[in-house]
Amino acid sequence: MAKFKNTKSWKTKIVEGRRNMICMNSDLEKSKYPDWGPDDGESKCNEWVEVGHNTDMVLCSYCTRRSLEL
């Protein structure tokens, strides 16, 4: 199985000692899943997700939900 090579460093921030990362659909050109980006006229996703310290990229729950819509 081929792995996706992460060539982008996604924004992170520490809030109350917990690491947060911006959804990969914040940059649709570099995202692995740009088709699941915001559909409400927004050009990018601005959601932050709490992640572990070994996380390279994350897809927020809103973008994940769009992948399941029929």
PDB file of N, CA and C in Angstrom:
ATOM      1  N   MET A   1       0.826  -1.172   0.000  1.00  0.00           N
ATOM      2  CA  MET A   1       0.000   0.000   0.000  1.00  0.00           C
ATOM      3  C   MET A   1       0.880   1.248   0.000  1.00  0.00           C
ATOM      4  N   ALA A   2       0.643   2.127  -0.958  1.00  0.00           N
ATOM      5  CA  ALA A   2       1.434   3.353  -1.054  1.00  0.00           C
ATOM      6  C   ALA A   2       1.036   4.326   0.046  1.00  0.00           C
ATOM      7  N   LYS A   3       2.022   4.975   0.597  1.00  0.00           N
ATOM      8  CA  LYS A   3       1.758   5.960   1.640  1.00  0.00           C
ATOM      9  C   LYS A   3       1.819   7.356   1.060  1.00  0.00           C
ATOM     10  N   PHE A   4       1.018   8.243   1.618  1.00  0.00           N
ATOM     11  CA  PHE A   4       1.007   9.648   1.217  1.00  0.00           C
ATOM     12  C   PHE A   4       2.205  10.325   1.848  1.00  0.00           C
ATOM     13  N   LYS A   5       3.007  10.995   1.041  1.00  0.00           N
ATOM     14  CA  LYS A   5       4.177  11.689   1.560  1.00  0.00           C
ATOM     15  C   LYS A   5       3.796  13.106   1.951  1.00  0.00           C
ATOM     16  N   ASN A   6       3.944  13.414   3.215  1.00  0.00           N
ATOM     17  CA  ASN A   6       3.623  14.742   3.720  1.00  0.00           C
ATOM     18  C   ASN A   6       4.752  15.699   3.351  1.00  0.00           C
ATOM     19  N   THR A   7       4.441  16.645   2.474  1.00  0.00           N
ATOM     20  CA  THR A   7       5.446  17.610   2.051  1.00  0.00           C
ATOM     21  C   THR A   7       5.176  18.993   2.618  1.00  0.00           C
ATOM     22  N   LYS A   8       4.185  19.108   3.468  1.00  0.00           N
ATOM     23  CA  LYS A   8       3.802  20.392   4.056  1.00  0.00           C
ATOM     24  C   LYS A   8       3.864  20.288   5.570  1.00  0.00           C
ATOM     25  N   SER A   9       4.278  21.358   6.186  1.00  0.00           N
ATOM     26  CA  SER A   9       4.260  21.446   7.641  1.00  0.00           C
ATOM     27  C   SER A   9       3.000  22.218   8.025  1.00  0.00           C
ATOM     28  N   TRP A  10       2.056  21.550   8.666  1.00  0.00           N
ATOM     29  CA  TRP A  10       0.776  22.159   9.013  1.00  0.00           C
ATOM     30  C   TRP A  10       0.908  22.974  10.292  1.00  0.00           C
ATOM     31  N   LYS A  11       0.142  24.054  10.380  1.00  0.00           N
ATOM     32  CA  LYS A  11       0.183  24.942  11.540  1.00  0.00           C
ATOM     33  C   LYS A  11      -0.237  24.194  12.804  1.00  0.00           C
ATOM     34  N   THR A  12       0.489  24.436  13.873  1.00  0.00           N
ATOM     35  CA  THR A  12       0.143  23.868  15.172  1.00  0.00           C
ATOM     36  C   THR A  12       0.205  24.981  16.222  1.00  0.00           C
ATOM     37  N   LYS A  13      -0.503  24.745  17.318  1.00  0.00           N
ATOM     38  CA  LYS A  13      -0.435  25.666  18.456  1.00  0.00           C
ATOM     39  C   LYS A  13      -0.706  24.867  19.721  1.00  0.00           C
ATOM     40  N   ILE A  14      -0.156  25.336  20.814  1.00  0.00           N
ATOM     41  CA  ILE A  14      -0.351  24.702  22.109  1.00  0.00           C
ATOM     42  C   ILE A  14      -1.358  25.545  22.892  1.00  0.00           C
ATOM     43  N   VAL A  15      -2.450  24.915  23.320  1.00  0.00           N
ATOM     44  CA  VAL A  15      -3.479  25.586  24.107  1.00  0.00           C
ATOM     45  C   VAL A  15      -3.666  24.795  25.393  1.00  0.00           C
ATOM     46  N   GLU A  16      -3.385  25.427  26.518  1.00  0.00           N
ATOM     47  CA  GLU A  16      -3.508  24.795  27.835  1.00  0.00           C
ATOM     48  C   GLU A  16      -2.742  23.467  27.887  1.00  0.00           C
ATOM     49  N   GLY A  17      -1.556  23.452  27.293  1.00  0.00           N
ATOM     50  CA  GLY A  17      -0.703  22.279  27.316  1.00  0.00           C
ATOM     51  C   GLY A  17      -1.071  21.189  26.325  1.00  0.00           C
ATOM     52  N   ARG A  18      -2.049  21.441  25.485  1.00  0.00           N
ATOM     53  CA  ARG A  18      -2.487  20.446  24.491  1.00  0.00           C
ATOM     54  C   ARG A  18      -2.171  20.942  23.097  1.00  0.00           C
ATOM     55  N   ARG A  19      -1.687  20.032  22.254  1.00  0.00           N
ATOM     56  CA  ARG A  19      -1.282  20.383  20.893  1.00  0.00           C
ATOM     57  C   ARG A  19      -2.493  20.359  19.967  1.00  0.00           C
ATOM     58  N   ASN A  20      -2.663  21.424  19.203  1.00  0.00           N
ATOM     59  CA  ASN A  20      -3.733  21.535  18.218  1.00  0.00           C
ATOM     60  C   ASN A  20      -3.125  21.770  16.844  1.00  0.00           C
ATOM     61  N   MET A  21      -3.774  21.228  15.825  1.00  0.00           N
ATOM     62  CA  MET A  21      -3.298  21.368  14.448  1.00  0.00           C
ATOM     63  C   MET A  21      -4.473  21.795  13.573  1.00  0.00           C
ATOM     64  N   ILE A  22      -4.186  22.625  12.588  1.00  0.00           N
ATOM     65  CA  ILE A  22      -5.235  23.075  11.687  1.00  0.00           C
ATOM     66  C   ILE A  22      -5.561  21.962  10.687  1.00  0.00           C
ATOM     67  N   CYS A  23      -6.822  21.902  10.283  1.00  0.00           N
ATOM     68  CA  CYS A  23      -7.278  20.888   9.315  1.00  0.00           C
ATOM     69  C   CYS A  23      -6.468  20.999   8.022  1.00  0.00           C
ATOM     70  N   MET A  24      -6.155  19.865   7.419  1.00  0.00           N
ATOM     71  CA  MET A  24      -5.368  19.892   6.185  1.00  0.00           C
ATOM     72  C   MET A  24      -6.108  20.579   5.044  1.00  0.00           C
ATOM     73  N   ASN A  25      -7.424  20.718   5.152  1.00  0.00           N
ATOM     74  CA  ASN A  25      -8.166  21.437   4.117  1.00  0.00           C
ATOM     75  C   ASN A  25      -8.085  22.952   4.301  1.00  0.00           C
ATOM     76  N   SER A  26      -7.185  23.409   5.160  1.00  0.00           N
ATOM     77  CA  SER A  26      -6.911  24.844   5.256  1.00  0.00           C
ATOM     78  C   SER A  26      -6.052  25.293   4.079  1.00  0.00           C
ATOM     79  N   ASP A  27      -5.426  24.343   3.399  1.00  0.00           N
ATOM     80  CA  ASP A  27      -4.654  24.616   2.183  1.00  0.00           C
ATOM     81  C   ASP A  27      -5.041  23.554   1.162  1.00  0.00           C
ATOM     82  N   LEU A  28      -6.041  23.874   0.349  1.00  0.00           N
ATOM     83  CA  LEU A  28      -6.605  22.878  -0.567  1.00  0.00           C
ATOM     84  C   LEU A  28      -5.616  22.402  -1.623  1.00  0.00           C
ATOM     85  N   GLU A  29      -4.627  23.210  -1.952  1.00  0.00           N
ATOM     86  CA  GLU A  29      -3.624  22.796  -2.941  1.00  0.00           C
ATOM     87  C   GLU A  29      -2.705  21.709  -2.391  1.00  0.00           C
ATOM     88  N   LYS A  30      -2.463  21.706  -1.095  1.00  0.00           N
ATOM     89  CA  LYS A  30      -1.570  20.722  -0.471  1.00  0.00           C
ATOM     90  C   LYS A  30      -2.326  19.608   0.243  1.00  0.00           C
ATOM     91  N   SER A  31      -3.641  19.729   0.357  1.00  0.00           N
ATOM     92  CA  SER A  31      -4.442  18.748   1.080  1.00  0.00           C
ATOM     93  C   SER A  31      -4.514  17.420   0.344  1.00  0.00           C
ATOM     94  N   LYS A  32      -4.584  16.359   1.108  1.00  0.00           N
ATOM     95  CA  LYS A  32      -4.752  15.027   0.534  1.00  0.00           C
ATOM     96  C   LYS A  32      -6.202  14.821   0.061  1.00  0.00           C
ATOM     97  N   TYR A  33      -7.154  15.560   0.676  1.00  0.00           N
ATOM     98  CA  TYR A  33      -8.575  15.396   0.375  1.00  0.00           C
ATOM     99  C   TYR A  33      -9.251  16.742   0.077  1.00  0.00           C
ATOM    100  N   PRO A  34      -8.836  17.456  -0.961  1.00  0.00           N
ATOM    101  CA  PRO A  34      -9.413  18.776  -1.228  1.00  0.00           C
ATOM    102  C   PRO A  34     -10.892  18.736  -1.613  1.00  0.00           C
ATOM    103  N   ASP A  35     -11.382  17.613  -2.125  1.00  0.00           N
ATOM    104  CA  ASP A  35     -12.790  17.517  -2.517  1.00  0.00           C
ATOM    105  C   ASP A  35     -13.719  17.565  -1.313  1.00  0.00           C
ATOM    106  N   TRP A  36     -13.193  17.330  -0.127  1.00  0.00           N
ATOM    107  CA  TRP A  36     -14.001  17.318   1.090  1.00  0.00           C
ATOM    108  C   TRP A  36     -13.908  18.634   1.845  1.00  0.00           C
ATOM    109  N   GLY A  37     -13.371  19.654   1.203  1.00  0.00           N
ATOM    110  CA  GLY A  37     -13.250  20.963   1.833  1.00  0.00           C
ATOM    111  C   GLY A  37     -14.605  21.626   2.003  1.00  0.00           C
ATOM    112  N   PRO A  38     -14.616  22.808   2.584  1.00  0.00           N
ATOM    113  CA  PRO A  38     -15.866  23.524   2.835  1.00  0.00           C
ATOM    114  C   PRO A  38     -16.692  23.704   1.569  1.00  0.00           C
ATOM    115  N   ASP A  39     -18.001  23.546   1.715  1.00  0.00           N
ATOM    116  CA  ASP A  39     -18.886  23.682   0.567  1.00  0.00           C
ATOM    117  C   ASP A  39     -19.838  24.867   0.730  1.00  0.00           C
ATOM    118  N   ASP A  40     -19.604  25.698   1.736  1.00  0.00           N
ATOM    119  CA  ASP A  40     -20.493  26.823   2.003  1.00  0.00           C
ATOM    120  C   ASP A  40     -19.918  28.144   1.485  1.00  0.00           C
ATOM    121  N   GLY A  41     -19.130  28.083   0.431  1.00  0.00           N
ATOM    122  CA  GLY A  41     -18.543  29.281  -0.143  1.00  0.00           C
ATOM    123  C   GLY A  41     -17.186  29.639   0.441  1.00  0.00           C
ATOM    124  N   GLU A  42     -16.805  28.964   1.517  1.00  0.00           N
ATOM    125  CA  GLU A  42     -15.492  29.203   2.111  1.00  0.00           C
ATOM    126  C   GLU A  42     -14.427  28.621   1.188  1.00  0.00           C
ATOM    127  N   SER A  43     -13.292  29.270   1.119  1.00  0.00           N
ATOM    128  CA  SER A  43     -12.228  28.777   0.256  1.00  0.00           C
ATOM    129  C   SER A  43     -11.327  27.775   0.968  1.00  0.00           C
ATOM    130  N   LYS A  44     -11.405  27.751   2.323  1.00  0.00           N
ATOM    131  CA  LYS A  44     -10.586  26.817   3.082  1.00  0.00           C
ATOM    132  C   LYS A  44     -11.223  26.555   4.437  1.00  0.00           C
ATOM    133  N   CYS A  45     -10.810  25.472   5.057  1.00  0.00           N
ATOM    134  CA  CYS A  45     -11.306  25.101   6.377  1.00  0.00           C
ATOM    135  C   CYS A  45     -10.432  25.773   7.442  1.00  0.00           C
ATOM    136  N   ASN A  46     -11.061  26.284   8.478  1.00  0.00           N
ATOM    137  CA  ASN A  46     -10.339  26.971   9.542  1.00  0.00           C
ATOM    138  C   ASN A  46     -10.458  26.262  10.884  1.00  0.00           C
ATOM    139  N   GLU A  47     -10.814  24.980  10.879  1.00  0.00           N
ATOM    140  CA  GLU A  47     -11.002  24.224  12.118  1.00  0.00           C
ATOM    141  C   GLU A  47      -9.673  23.742  12.686  1.00  0.00           C
ATOM    142  N   TRP A  48      -9.541  23.809  14.011  1.00  0.00           N
ATOM    143  CA  TRP A  48      -8.379  23.291  14.731  1.00  0.00           C
ATOM    144  C   TRP A  48      -8.787  22.033  15.461  1.00  0.00           C
ATOM    145  N   VAL A  49      -7.893  21.023  15.479  1.00  0.00           N
ATOM    146  CA  VAL A  49      -8.180  19.726  16.081  1.00  0.00           C
ATOM    147  C   VAL A  49      -7.091  19.396  17.096  1.00  0.00           C
ATOM    148  N   GLU A  50      -7.492  18.885  18.260  1.00  0.00           N
ATOM    149  CA  GLU A  50      -6.515  18.446  19.245  1.00  0.00           C
ATOM    150  C   GLU A  50      -5.877  17.148  18.743  1.00  0.00           C
ATOM    151  N   VAL A  51      -4.552  17.102  18.742  1.00  0.00           N
ATOM    152  CA  VAL A  51      -3.831  15.942  18.200  1.00  0.00           C
ATOM    153  C   VAL A  51      -2.715  15.521  19.158  1.00  0.00           C
ATOM    154  N   GLY A  52      -2.175  14.339  18.905  1.00  0.00           N
ATOM    155  CA  GLY A  52      -1.024  13.861  19.664  1.00  0.00           C
ATOM    156  C   GLY A  52       0.263  14.454  19.117  1.00  0.00           C
ATOM    157  N   HIS A  53       1.345  14.242  19.828  1.00  0.00           N
ATOM    158  CA  HIS A  53       2.623  14.842  19.428  1.00  0.00           C
ATOM    159  C   HIS A  53       3.256  14.175  18.207  1.00  0.00           C
ATOM    160  N   ASN A  54       2.788  12.990  17.813  1.00  0.00           N
ATOM    161  CA  ASN A  54       3.337  12.296  16.647  1.00  0.00           C
ATOM    162  C   ASN A  54       2.508  12.516  15.386  1.00  0.00           C
ATOM    163  N   THR A  55       1.508  13.381  15.439  1.00  0.00           N
ATOM    164  CA  THR A  55       0.611  13.616  14.309  1.00  0.00           C
ATOM    165  C   THR A  55       1.254  14.565  13.301  1.00  0.00           C
ATOM    166  N   ASP A  56       1.196  14.184  12.012  1.00  0.00           N
ATOM    167  CA  ASP A  56       1.754  15.011  10.940  1.00  0.00           C
ATOM    168  C   ASP A  56       0.694  15.875  10.263  1.00  0.00           C
ATOM    169  N   MET A  57      -0.544  15.351  10.151  1.00  0.00           N
ATOM    170  CA  MET A  57      -1.631  16.073   9.513  1.00  0.00           C
ATOM    171  C   MET A  57      -2.953  15.527  10.021  1.00  0.00           C
ATOM    172  N   VAL A  58      -4.009  16.331   9.906  1.00  0.00           N
ATOM    173  CA  VAL A  58      -5.308  15.917  10.433  1.00  0.00           C
ATOM    174  C   VAL A  58      -6.409  16.457   9.539  1.00  0.00           C
ATOM    175  N   LEU A  59      -7.503  15.705   9.452  1.00  0.00           N
ATOM    176  CA  LEU A  59      -8.709  16.133   8.757  1.00  0.00           C
ATOM    177  C   LEU A  59      -9.778  16.313   9.827  1.00  0.00           C
ATOM    178  N   CYS A  60     -10.361  17.499   9.927  1.00  0.00           N
ATOM    179  CA  CYS A  60     -11.324  17.774  10.997  1.00  0.00           C
ATOM    180  C   CYS A  60     -12.607  16.963  10.801  1.00  0.00           C
ATOM    181  N   SER A  61     -13.430  16.949  11.826  1.00  0.00           N
ATOM    182  CA  SER A  61     -14.669  16.165  11.780  1.00  0.00           C
ATOM    183  C   SER A  61     -15.642  16.702  10.731  1.00  0.00           C
ATOM    184  N   TYR A  62     -15.634  18.010  10.472  1.00  0.00           N
ATOM    185  CA  TYR A  62     -16.540  18.577   9.476  1.00  0.00           C
ATOM    186  C   TYR A  62     -16.168  18.110   8.063  1.00  0.00           C
ATOM    187  N   CYS A  63     -14.887  18.125   7.752  1.00  0.00           N
ATOM    188  CA  CYS A  63     -14.436  17.669   6.431  1.00  0.00           C
ATOM    189  C   CYS A  63     -14.602  16.155   6.305  1.00  0.00           C
ATOM    190  N   THR A  64     -14.372  15.438   7.389  1.00  0.00           N
ATOM    191  CA  THR A  64     -14.580  13.983   7.370  1.00  0.00           C
ATOM    192  C   THR A  64     -16.048  13.665   7.119  1.00  0.00           C
ATOM    193  N   ARG A  65     -16.946  14.409   7.754  1.00  0.00           N
ATOM    194  CA  ARG A  65     -18.378  14.192   7.565  1.00  0.00           C
ATOM    195  C   ARG A  65     -18.769  14.406   6.110  1.00  0.00           C
ATOM    196  N   ARG A  66     -18.203  15.416   5.463  1.00  0.00           N
ATOM    197  CA  ARG A  66     -18.517  15.659   4.056  1.00  0.00           C
ATOM    198  C   ARG A  66     -18.108  14.483   3.165  1.00  0.00           C
ATOM    199  N   SER A  67     -17.101  13.733   3.588  1.00  0.00           N
ATOM    200  CA  SER A  67     -16.674  12.578   2.799  1.00  0.00           C
ATOM    201  C   SER A  67     -17.693  11.452   2.850  1.00  0.00           C
ATOM    202  N   LEU A  68     -18.573  11.463   3.849  1.00  0.00           N
ATOM    203  CA  LEU A  68     -19.561  10.404   4.029  1.00  0.00           C
ATOM    204  C   LEU A  68     -20.922  10.740   3.453  1.00  0.00           C
ATOM    205  N   GLU A  69     -21.132  11.997   3.064  1.00  0.00           N
ATOM    206  CA  GLU A  69     -22.436  12.404   2.534  1.00  0.00           C
ATOM    207  C   GLU A  69     -22.661  11.770   1.164  1.00  0.00           C
ATOM    208  N   LEU A  70     -23.870  11.338   0.954  1.00  0.00           N
ATOM    209  CA  LEU A  70     -24.221  10.706  -0.324  1.00  0.00           C
ATOM    210  C   LEU A  70     -24.733  11.707  -1.312  1.00  0.00           C
TER     211      LEU A  70
END
